[in-house]
All heavy atoms as atom14 arrays in JSON, in Angstrom:
{
  "sequence": "TIKISSALGAELAARSAKAHLSKSELARRAIAAYFAASGPSINHP",
  "atom14_mask": [
    [1, 1, 1, 1, 1, 1, 1, 0, 0, 0, 0, 0, 0, 0],
    [1, 1, 1, 1, 1, 1, 1, 1, 0, 0, 0, 0, 0, 0],
    [1, 1, 1, 1, 1, 1, 1, 1, 1, 0, 0, 0, 0, 0],
    [1, 1, 1, 1, 1, 1, 1, 1, 0, 0, 0, 0, 0, 0],
    [1, 1, 1, 1, 1, 1, 0, 0, 0, 0, 0, 0, 0, 0],
    [1, 1, 1, 1, 1, 1, 0, 0, 0, 0, 0, 0, 0, 0],
    [1, 1, 1, 1, 1, 0, 0, 0, 0, 0, 0, 0, 0, 0],
    [1, 1, 1, 1, 1, 1, 1, 1, 0, 0, 0, 0, 0, 0],
    [1, 1, 1, 1, 0, 0, 0, 0, 0, 0, 0, 0, 0, 0],
    [1, 1, 1, 1, 1, 0, 0, 0, 0, 0, 0, 0, 0, 0],
    [1, 1, 1, 1, 1, 1, 1, 1, 1, 0, 0, 0, 0, 0],
    [1, 1, 1, 1, 1, 1, 1, 1, 0, 0, 0, 0, 0, 0],
    [1, 1, 1, 1, 1, 0, 0, 0, 0, 0, 0, 0, 0, 0],
    [1, 1, 1, 1, 1, 0, 0, 0, 0, 0, 0, 0, 0, 0],
    [1, 1, 1, 1, 1, 1, 1, 1, 1, 1, 1, 0, 0, 0],
    [1, 1, 1, 1, 1, 1, 0, 0, 0, 0, 0, 0, 0, 0],
    [1, 1, 1, 1, 1, 0, 0, 0, 0, 0, 0, 0, 0, 0],
    [1, 1, 1, 1, 1, 1, 1, 1, 1, 0, 0, 0, 0, 0],
    [1, 1, 1, 1, 1, 0, 0, 0, 0, 0, 0, 0, 0, 0],
    [1, 1, 1, 1, 1, 1, 1, 1, 1, 1, 0, 0, 0, 0],
    [1, 1, 1, 1, 1, 1, 1, 1, 0, 0, 0, 0, 0, 0],
    [1, 1, 1, 1, 1, 1, 0, 0, 0, 0, 0, 0, 0, 0],
    [1, 1, 1, 1, 1, 1, 1, 1, 1, 0, 0, 0, 0, 0],
    [1, 1, 1, 1, 1, 1, 0, 0, 0, 0, 0, 0, 0, 0],
    [1, 1, 1, 1, 1, 1, 1, 1, 1, 0, 0, 0, 0, 0],
    [1, 1, 1, 1, 1, 1, 1, 1, 0, 0, 0, 0, 0, 0],
    [1, 1, 1, 1, 1, 0, 0, 0, 0, 0, 0, 0, 0, 0],
    [1, 1, 1, 1, 1, 1, 1, 1, 1, 1, 1, 0, 0, 0],
    [1, 1, 1, 1, 1, 1, 1, 1, 1, 1, 1, 0, 0, 0],
    [1, 1, 1, 1, 1, 0, 0, 0, 0, 0, 0, 0, 0, 0],
    [1, 1, 1, 1, 1, 1, 1, 1, 0, 0, 0, 0, 0, 0],
    [1, 1, 1, 1, 1, 0, 0, 0, 0, 0, 0, 0, 0, 0],
    [1, 1, 1, 1, 1, 0, 0, 0, 0, 0, 0, 0, 0, 0],
    [1, 1, 1, 1, 1, 1, 1, 1, 1, 1, 1, 1, 0, 0],
    [1, 1, 1, 1, 1, 1, 1, 1, 1, 1, 1, 0, 0, 0],
    [1, 1, 1, 1, 1, 0, 0, 0, 0, 0, 0, 0, 0, 0],
    [1, 1, 1, 1, 1, 0, 0, 0, 0, 0, 0, 0, 0, 0],
    [1, 1, 1, 1, 1, 1, 0, 0, 0, 0, 0, 0, 0, 0],
    [1, 1, 1, 1, 0, 0, 0, 0, 0, 0, 0, 0, 0, 0],
    [1, 1, 1, 1, 1, 1, 1, 0, 0, 0, 0, 0, 0, 0],
    [1, 1, 1, 1, 1, 1, 0, 0, 0, 0, 0, 0, 0, 0],
    [1, 1, 1, 1, 1, 1, 1, 1, 0, 0, 0, 0, 0, 0],
    [1, 1, 1, 1, 1, 1, 1, 1, 0, 0, 0, 0, 0, 0],
    [1, 1, 1, 1, 1, 1, 1, 1, 1, 1, 0, 0, 0, 0],
    [1, 1, 1, 1, 1, 1, 1, 0, 0, 0, 0, 0, 0, 0]
  ],
  "atom14_positions": [
    [[26.46, 165.55, 157.9], [25.22, 166.25, 158.27], [24.55, 166.51, 156.93], [25.09, 167.17, 156.14], [25.51, 167.52, 159.12], [26.28, 167.07, 160.22], [24.26, 168.16, 159.57], [0.0, 0.0, 0.0], [0.0, 0.0, 0.0], [0.0, 0.0, 0.0], [0.0, 0.0, 0.0], [0.0, 0.0, 0.0], [0.0, 0.0, 0.0], [0.0, 0.0, 0.0]],
    [[23.31, 166.17, 156.89], [22.43, 166.47, 155.69], [21.16, 167.04, 156.08], [20.68, 166.83, 157.27], [22.27, 165.27, 154.83], [21.5, 164.21, 155.5], [23.53, 164.75, 154.26], [21.08, 162.93, 154.69], [0.0, 0.0, 0.0], [0.0, 0.0, 0.0], [0.0, 0.0, 0.0], [0.0, 0.0, 0.0], [0.0, 0.0, 0.0], [0.0, 0.0, 0.0]],
    [[20.5, 167.71, 155.24], [19.19, 168.28, 155.53], [18.19, 167.5, 154.48], [18.41, 167.28, 153.36], [19.06, 169.74, 154.99], [19.85, 170.62, 156.0], [19.81, 172.1, 155.6], [20.6, 172.91, 156.56], [20.36, 174.33, 156.4], [0.0, 0.0, 0.0], [0.0, 0.0, 0.0], [0.0, 0.0, 0.0], [0.0, 0.0, 0.0], [0.0, 0.0, 0.0]],
    [[17.13, 167.04, 155.12], [16.23, 166.27, 154.37], [14.78, 166.8, 154.68], [14.58, 167.49, 155.55], [16.22, 164.76, 154.7], [16.0, 164.43, 156.25], [17.49, 164.16, 154.27], [15.95, 163.01, 156.59], [0.0, 0.0, 0.0], [0.0, 0.0, 0.0], [0.0, 0.0, 0.0], [0.0, 0.0, 0.0], [0.0, 0.0, 0.0], [0.0, 0.0, 0.0]],
    [[13.9, 166.52, 153.85], [12.48, 166.98, 153.99], [11.76, 166.27, 155.13], [12.27, 165.3, 155.6], [11.68, 166.71, 152.68], [11.46, 165.25, 152.46], [0.0, 0.0, 0.0], [0.0, 0.0, 0.0], [0.0, 0.0, 0.0], [0.0, 0.0, 0.0], [0.0, 0.0, 0.0], [0.0, 0.0, 0.0], [0.0, 0.0, 0.0], [0.0, 0.0, 0.0]],
    [[10.76, 166.91, 155.66], [10.04, 166.26, 156.85], [9.44, 164.97, 156.42], [9.57, 164.08, 157.21], [8.92, 167.28, 157.21], [9.38, 168.5, 157.61], [0.0, 0.0, 0.0], [0.0, 0.0, 0.0], [0.0, 0.0, 0.0], [0.0, 0.0, 0.0], [0.0, 0.0, 0.0], [0.0, 0.0, 0.0], [0.0, 0.0, 0.0], [0.0, 0.0, 0.0]],
    [[9.02, 164.86, 155.21], [8.51, 163.56, 154.81], [9.52, 162.5, 154.69], [9.23, 161.36, 155.23], [7.84, 163.68, 153.43], [0.0, 0.0, 0.0], [0.0, 0.0, 0.0], [0.0, 0.0, 0.0], [0.0, 0.0, 0.0], [0.0, 0.0, 0.0], [0.0, 0.0, 0.0], [0.0, 0.0, 0.0], [0.0, 0.0, 0.0], [0.0, 0.0, 0.0]],
    [[10.66, 162.77, 154.18], [11.84, 161.87, 154.16], [12.27, 161.51, 155.53], [12.57, 160.35, 155.88], [12.91, 162.34, 153.3], [14.03, 161.39, 152.89], [13.53, 160.12, 152.26], [15.07, 162.13, 152.15], [0.0, 0.0, 0.0], [0.0, 0.0, 0.0], [0.0, 0.0, 0.0], [0.0, 0.0, 0.0], [0.0, 0.0, 0.0], [0.0, 0.0, 0.0]],
    [[12.26, 162.59, 156.44], [12.77, 162.2, 157.8], [11.68, 161.34, 158.58], [12.2, 160.41, 159.22], [0.0, 0.0, 0.0], [0.0, 0.0, 0.0], [0.0, 0.0, 0.0], [0.0, 0.0, 0.0], [0.0, 0.0, 0.0], [0.0, 0.0, 0.0], [0.0, 0.0, 0.0], [0.0, 0.0, 0.0], [0.0, 0.0, 0.0], [0.0, 0.0, 0.0]],
    [[10.48, 161.5, 158.29], [9.47, 160.62, 158.94], [9.6, 159.22, 158.27], [9.48, 158.2, 159.19], [8.05, 161.27, 158.61], [0.0, 0.0, 0.0], [0.0, 0.0, 0.0], [0.0, 0.0, 0.0], [0.0, 0.0, 0.0], [0.0, 0.0, 0.0], [0.0, 0.0, 0.0], [0.0, 0.0, 0.0], [0.0, 0.0, 0.0], [0.0, 0.0, 0.0]],
    [[9.8, 159.1, 157.02], [10.01, 157.74, 156.45], [11.29, 157.05, 156.99], [11.28, 155.91, 157.37], [10.09, 157.86, 155.0], [10.23, 156.55, 154.19], [8.97, 155.83, 154.02], [7.85, 156.35, 154.27], [9.03, 154.74, 153.69], [0.0, 0.0, 0.0], [0.0, 0.0, 0.0], [0.0, 0.0, 0.0], [0.0, 0.0, 0.0], [0.0, 0.0, 0.0]],
    [[12.32, 157.74, 157.09], [13.52, 157.35, 157.71], [13.35, 156.87, 159.14], [13.74, 155.79, 159.51], [14.59, 158.34, 157.66], [16.02, 157.95, 158.31], [16.65, 156.79, 157.49], [16.94, 159.17, 158.14], [0.0, 0.0, 0.0], [0.0, 0.0, 0.0], [0.0, 0.0, 0.0], [0.0, 0.0, 0.0], [0.0, 0.0, 0.0], [0.0, 0.0, 0.0]],
    [[12.67, 157.62, 159.91], [12.35, 157.21, 161.36], [11.49, 155.98, 161.41], [11.81, 155.08, 162.18], [11.67, 158.38, 161.99], [0.0, 0.0, 0.0], [0.0, 0.0, 0.0], [0.0, 0.0, 0.0], [0.0, 0.0, 0.0], [0.0, 0.0, 0.0], [0.0, 0.0, 0.0], [0.0, 0.0, 0.0], [0.0, 0.0, 0.0], [0.0, 0.0, 0.0]],
    [[10.52, 155.89, 160.65], [9.52, 154.75, 160.62], [10.34, 153.45, 160.13], [10.24, 152.4, 160.78], [8.37, 155.01, 159.67], [0.0, 0.0, 0.0], [0.0, 0.0, 0.0], [0.0, 0.0, 0.0], [0.0, 0.0, 0.0], [0.0, 0.0, 0.0], [0.0, 0.0, 0.0], [0.0, 0.0, 0.0], [0.0, 0.0, 0.0], [0.0, 0.0, 0.0]],
    [[11.05, 153.5, 159.07], [11.84, 152.31, 158.53], [12.87, 151.93, 159.53], [13.21, 150.82, 159.62], [12.26, 152.66, 157.21], [11.18, 152.61, 156.16], [11.77, 152.75, 154.69], [10.71, 152.97, 153.75], [10.58, 152.08, 152.76], [11.48, 151.06, 152.42], [9.58, 152.19, 151.84], [0.0, 0.0, 0.0], [0.0, 0.0, 0.0], [0.0, 0.0, 0.0]],
    [[13.65, 152.93, 160.09], [14.68, 152.52, 161.07], [14.09, 151.84, 162.31], [14.64, 150.94, 162.81], [15.45, 153.73, 161.41], [14.74, 154.65, 162.19], [0.0, 0.0, 0.0], [0.0, 0.0, 0.0], [0.0, 0.0, 0.0], [0.0, 0.0, 0.0], [0.0, 0.0, 0.0], [0.0, 0.0, 0.0], [0.0, 0.0, 0.0], [0.0, 0.0, 0.0]],
    [[12.87, 152.22, 162.78], [12.31, 151.69, 163.91], [11.77, 150.3, 163.57], [12.0, 149.33, 164.32], [11.03, 152.52, 164.32], [0.0, 0.0, 0.0], [0.0, 0.0, 0.0], [0.0, 0.0, 0.0], [0.0, 0.0, 0.0], [0.0, 0.0, 0.0], [0.0, 0.0, 0.0], [0.0, 0.0, 0.0], [0.0, 0.0, 0.0], [0.0, 0.0, 0.0]],
    [[11.29, 150.11, 162.38], [10.74, 148.89, 161.91], [11.89, 147.81, 161.79], [11.75, 146.66, 162.1], [10.06, 149.01, 160.56], [9.37, 147.73, 160.1], [8.54, 147.9, 158.84], [8.02, 146.62, 158.43], [7.16, 146.81, 157.11], [0.0, 0.0, 0.0], [0.0, 0.0, 0.0], [0.0, 0.0, 0.0], [0.0, 0.0, 0.0], [0.0, 0.0, 0.0]],
    [[13.07, 148.32, 161.37], [14.23, 147.45, 161.1], [15.08, 147.33, 162.26], [16.03, 146.55, 162.26], [15.05, 147.93, 159.94], [0.0, 0.0, 0.0], [0.0, 0.0, 0.0], [0.0, 0.0, 0.0], [0.0, 0.0, 0.0], [0.0, 0.0, 0.0], [0.0, 0.0, 0.0], [0.0, 0.0, 0.0], [0.0, 0.0, 0.0], [0.0, 0.0, 0.0]],
    [[14.66, 148.01, 163.41], [15.53, 148.04, 164.72], [16.96, 148.46, 164.36], [17.92, 147.83, 164.89], [15.45, 146.64, 165.36], [14.17, 146.16, 165.66], [13.35, 146.78, 166.71], [13.35, 145.17, 165.1], [12.19, 146.16, 166.68], [12.12, 145.22, 165.75], [0.0, 0.0, 0.0], [0.0, 0.0, 0.0], [0.0, 0.0, 0.0], [0.0, 0.0, 0.0]],
    [[17.08, 149.5, 163.54], [18.42, 150.15, 163.22], [18.29, 151.55, 163.59], [17.3, 152.17, 163.52], [18.69, 149.87, 161.72], [18.76, 148.47, 161.19], [18.92, 148.49, 159.77], [20.1, 147.86, 161.73], [0.0, 0.0, 0.0], [0.0, 0.0, 0.0], [0.0, 0.0, 0.0], [0.0, 0.0, 0.0], [0.0, 0.0, 0.0], [0.0, 0.0, 0.0]],
    [[19.51, 152.12, 163.86], [19.5, 153.6, 163.96], [19.27, 154.2, 162.59], [19.44, 153.71, 161.64], [20.89, 153.96, 164.56], [21.85, 153.75, 163.66], [0.0, 0.0, 0.0], [0.0, 0.0, 0.0], [0.0, 0.0, 0.0], [0.0, 0.0, 0.0], [0.0, 0.0, 0.0], [0.0, 0.0, 0.0], [0.0, 0.0, 0.0], [0.0, 0.0, 0.0]],
    [[18.87, 155.47, 162.68], [18.73, 156.24, 161.4], [20.12, 156.35, 160.71], [20.12, 156.23, 159.4], [18.08, 157.62, 161.64], [16.58, 157.52, 162.13], [15.99, 158.91, 162.17], [16.38, 159.67, 163.5], [15.75, 160.94, 163.65], [0.0, 0.0, 0.0], [0.0, 0.0, 0.0], [0.0, 0.0, 0.0], [0.0, 0.0, 0.0], [0.0, 0.0, 0.0]],
    [[21.07, 156.49, 161.39], [22.43, 156.59, 160.8], [22.86, 155.26, 160.1], [23.3, 155.28, 158.99], [23.46, 156.93, 161.89], [23.33, 158.2, 162.39], [0.0, 0.0, 0.0], [0.0, 0.0, 0.0], [0.0, 0.0, 0.0], [0.0, 0.0, 0.0], [0.0, 0.0, 0.0], [0.0, 0.0, 0.0], [0.0, 0.0, 0.0], [0.0, 0.0, 0.0]],
    [[22.57, 154.17, 160.71], [22.89, 152.88, 160.2], [22.04, 152.58, 158.85], [22.58, 152.13, 157.85], [22.69, 151.72, 161.19], [22.97, 150.39, 160.64], [24.38, 150.11, 160.05], [25.32, 150.8, 160.5], [24.61, 149.26, 159.26], [0.0, 0.0, 0.0], [0.0, 0.0, 0.0], [0.0, 0.0, 0.0], [0.0, 0.0, 0.0], [0.0, 0.0, 0.0]],
    [[20.76, 152.99, 158.99], [19.99, 152.81, 157.74], [20.37, 153.69, 156.69], [20.47, 153.27, 155.43], [18.51, 153.14, 158.18], [17.47, 152.78, 157.12], [17.42, 151.3, 156.81], [16.06, 153.21, 157.69], [0.0, 0.0, 0.0], [0.0, 0.0, 0.0], [0.0, 0.0, 0.0], [0.0, 0.0, 0.0], [0.0, 0.0, 0.0], [0.0, 0.0, 0.0]],
    [[20.87, 154.89, 156.94], [21.38, 155.84, 155.89], [22.63, 155.34, 155.37], [22.83, 155.39, 154.14], [21.56, 157.3, 156.45], [0.0, 0.0, 0.0], [0.0, 0.0, 0.0], [0.0, 0.0, 0.0], [0.0, 0.0, 0.0], [0.0, 0.0, 0.0], [0.0, 0.0, 0.0], [0.0, 0.0, 0.0], [0.0, 0.0, 0.0], [0.0, 0.0, 0.0]],
    [[23.49, 154.79, 156.15], [24.79, 154.14, 155.74], [24.49, 153.04, 154.76], [25.05, 152.98, 153.68], [25.6, 153.75, 156.87], [26.42, 154.79, 157.53], [27.45, 154.2, 158.45], [26.84, 153.51, 159.67], [26.52, 154.18, 160.76], [26.65, 155.48, 160.92], [26.03, 153.44, 161.76], [0.0, 0.0, 0.0], [0.0, 0.0, 0.0], [0.0, 0.0, 0.0]],
    [[23.55, 152.2, 155.16], [23.22, 151.12, 154.3], [22.58, 151.45, 152.94], [22.87, 150.86, 151.89], [22.3, 150.11, 155.03], [22.98, 149.33, 156.08], [22.05, 148.31, 156.73], [22.72, 147.69, 157.93], [22.18, 146.61, 158.55], [20.99, 146.22, 158.25], [22.76, 146.07, 159.61], [0.0, 0.0, 0.0], [0.0, 0.0, 0.0], [0.0, 0.0, 0.0]],
    [[21.78, 152.45, 153.03], [21.11, 152.97, 151.78], [22.27, 153.61, 150.8], [22.13, 153.32, 149.52], [20.03, 154.09, 152.1], [0.0, 0.0, 0.0], [0.0, 0.0, 0.0], [0.0, 0.0, 0.0], [0.0, 0.0, 0.0], [0.0, 0.0, 0.0], [0.0, 0.0, 0.0], [0.0, 0.0, 0.0], [0.0, 0.0, 0.0], [0.0, 0.0, 0.0]],
    [[23.11, 154.3, 151.38], [24.17, 154.99, 150.55], [25.1, 153.87, 149.96], [25.43, 153.94, 148.81], [25.07, 155.95, 151.44], [24.17, 157.17, 151.72], [26.3, 156.27, 150.68], [24.83, 158.08, 152.79], [0.0, 0.0, 0.0], [0.0, 0.0, 0.0], [0.0, 0.0, 0.0], [0.0, 0.0, 0.0], [0.0, 0.0, 0.0], [0.0, 0.0, 0.0]],
    [[25.43, 152.88, 150.81], [26.2, 151.77, 150.31], [25.42, 151.03, 149.15], [26.16, 150.58, 148.15], [26.61, 150.78, 151.42], [0.0, 0.0, 0.0], [0.0, 0.0, 0.0], [0.0, 0.0, 0.0], [0.0, 0.0, 0.0], [0.0, 0.0, 0.0], [0.0, 0.0, 0.0], [0.0, 0.0, 0.0], [0.0, 0.0, 0.0], [0.0, 0.0, 0.0]],
    [[24.28, 150.79, 149.27], [23.43, 150.09, 148.3], [23.4, 150.91, 147.05], [23.49, 150.3, 145.82], [22.02, 149.75, 148.74], [0.0, 0.0, 0.0], [0.0, 0.0, 0.0], [0.0, 0.0, 0.0], [0.0, 0.0, 0.0], [0.0, 0.0, 0.0], [0.0, 0.0, 0.0], [0.0, 0.0, 0.0], [0.0, 0.0, 0.0], [0.0, 0.0, 0.0]],
    [[23.24, 152.18, 147.14], [23.18, 153.05, 145.97], [24.56, 152.98, 145.31], [24.65, 152.79, 144.06], [22.97, 154.51, 146.34], [23.13, 155.43, 145.24], [21.96, 155.59, 144.32], [24.23, 156.29, 145.1], [22.11, 156.56, 143.25], [24.33, 157.12, 144.09], [23.31, 157.26, 143.18], [23.41, 158.15, 142.09], [0.0, 0.0, 0.0], [0.0, 0.0, 0.0]],
    [[25.66, 153.04, 145.91], [27.01, 152.99, 145.39], [27.15, 151.61, 144.65], [27.79, 151.56, 143.52], [28.06, 153.28, 146.38], [28.09, 154.69, 146.75], [28.77, 155.06, 147.92], [27.6, 155.78, 145.98], [28.91, 156.34, 148.3], [27.64, 157.0, 146.42], [28.3, 157.4, 147.54], [0.0, 0.0, 0.0], [0.0, 0.0, 0.0], [0.0, 0.0, 0.0]],
    [[26.79, 150.61, 145.4], [26.93, 149.17, 144.77], [26.15, 149.1, 143.5], [26.66, 148.43, 142.56], [26.5, 148.21, 145.79], [0.0, 0.0, 0.0], [0.0, 0.0, 0.0], [0.0, 0.0, 0.0], [0.0, 0.0, 0.0], [0.0, 0.0, 0.0], [0.0, 0.0, 0.0], [0.0, 0.0, 0.0], [0.0, 0.0, 0.0], [0.0, 0.0, 0.0]],
    [[24.99, 149.73, 143.47], [24.13, 149.53, 142.21], [24.61, 150.38, 141.06], [24.33, 150.14, 139.95], [22.67, 149.83, 142.62], [0.0, 0.0, 0.0], [0.0, 0.0, 0.0], [0.0, 0.0, 0.0], [0.0, 0.0, 0.0], [0.0, 0.0, 0.0], [0.0, 0.0, 0.0], [0.0, 0.0, 0.0], [0.0, 0.0, 0.0], [0.0, 0.0, 0.0]],
    [[25.48, 151.43, 141.43], [25.84, 152.4, 140.33], [27.21, 152.05, 139.73], [27.69, 152.8, 138.86], [25.89, 153.78, 140.91], [26.89, 153.9, 141.94], [0.0, 0.0, 0.0], [0.0, 0.0, 0.0], [0.0, 0.0, 0.0], [0.0, 0.0, 0.0], [0.0, 0.0, 0.0], [0.0, 0.0, 0.0], [0.0, 0.0, 0.0], [0.0, 0.0, 0.0]],
    [[27.76, 150.9, 140.06], [28.97, 150.45, 139.37], [30.14, 150.5, 140.24], [30.07, 150.84, 141.37], [0.0, 0.0, 0.0], [0.0, 0.0, 0.0], [0.0, 0.0, 0.0], [0.0, 0.0, 0.0], [0.0, 0.0, 0.0], [0.0, 0.0, 0.0], [0.0, 0.0, 0.0], [0.0, 0.0, 0.0], [0.0, 0.0, 0.0], [0.0, 0.0, 0.0]],
    [[31.35, 150.26, 139.7], [32.6, 150.35, 140.28], [32.92, 151.67, 140.9], [32.57, 152.72, 140.41], [33.6, 149.93, 139.33], [32.97, 149.56, 138.15], [31.55, 150.01, 138.2], [0.0, 0.0, 0.0], [0.0, 0.0, 0.0], [0.0, 0.0, 0.0], [0.0, 0.0, 0.0], [0.0, 0.0, 0.0], [0.0, 0.0, 0.0], [0.0, 0.0, 0.0]],
    [[33.59, 151.61, 142.05], [33.97, 152.87, 142.74], [34.98, 153.61, 141.88], [35.87, 153.1, 141.23], [34.59, 152.51, 144.04], [35.17, 153.67, 144.61], [0.0, 0.0, 0.0], [0.0, 0.0, 0.0], [0.0, 0.0, 0.0], [0.0, 0.0, 0.0], [0.0, 0.0, 0.0], [0.0, 0.0, 0.0], [0.0, 0.0, 0.0], [0.0, 0.0, 0.0]],
    [[34.86, 154.93, 141.92], [35.73, 155.8, 141.2], [37.08, 155.92, 141.83], [38.01, 156.36, 141.3], [35.19, 157.22, 140.96], [34.92, 157.96, 142.34], [33.95, 157.17, 140.16], [34.42, 159.28, 142.22], [0.0, 0.0, 0.0], [0.0, 0.0, 0.0], [0.0, 0.0, 0.0], [0.0, 0.0, 0.0], [0.0, 0.0, 0.0], [0.0, 0.0, 0.0]],
    [[37.18, 155.41, 143.17], [38.49, 155.58, 143.84], [39.35, 154.37, 143.74], [40.32, 154.27, 144.25], [38.08, 155.73, 145.34], [37.54, 157.11, 145.62], [37.78, 158.04, 144.91], [36.61, 157.14, 146.61], [0.0, 0.0, 0.0], [0.0, 0.0, 0.0], [0.0, 0.0, 0.0], [0.0, 0.0, 0.0], [0.0, 0.0, 0.0], [0.0, 0.0, 0.0]],
    [[38.74, 153.25, 142.99], [39.48, 152.05, 142.8], [39.88, 151.77, 141.35], [38.97, 151.24, 140.64], [38.8, 150.87, 143.48], [38.6, 150.96, 144.96], [37.56, 151.55, 145.46], [39.44, 150.73, 145.98], [37.64, 151.63, 146.8], [38.88, 151.07, 147.03], [0.0, 0.0, 0.0], [0.0, 0.0, 0.0], [0.0, 0.0, 0.0], [0.0, 0.0, 0.0]],
    [[40.98, 152.17, 140.92], [41.23, 152.02, 139.49], [41.38, 150.53, 139.11], [41.8, 149.69, 140.06], [42.59, 152.79, 139.22], [43.26, 152.8, 140.61], [42.15, 152.86, 141.55], [0.0, 0.0, 0.0], [0.0, 0.0, 0.0], [0.0, 0.0, 0.0], [0.0, 0.0, 0.0], [0.0, 0.0, 0.0], [0.0, 0.0, 0.0], [0.0, 0.0, 0.0]]
  ]
}
């Protein structure tokens, strides 16, 4: 559970509707993309 600004919430709702994805799925994909771009996982030596 996270708190986001109203503007970010509106953007999330609009983009999830456009992509035909739930807001949760879009958030999961965004987090995964962020982690992939930031380098190797700290949990995998």
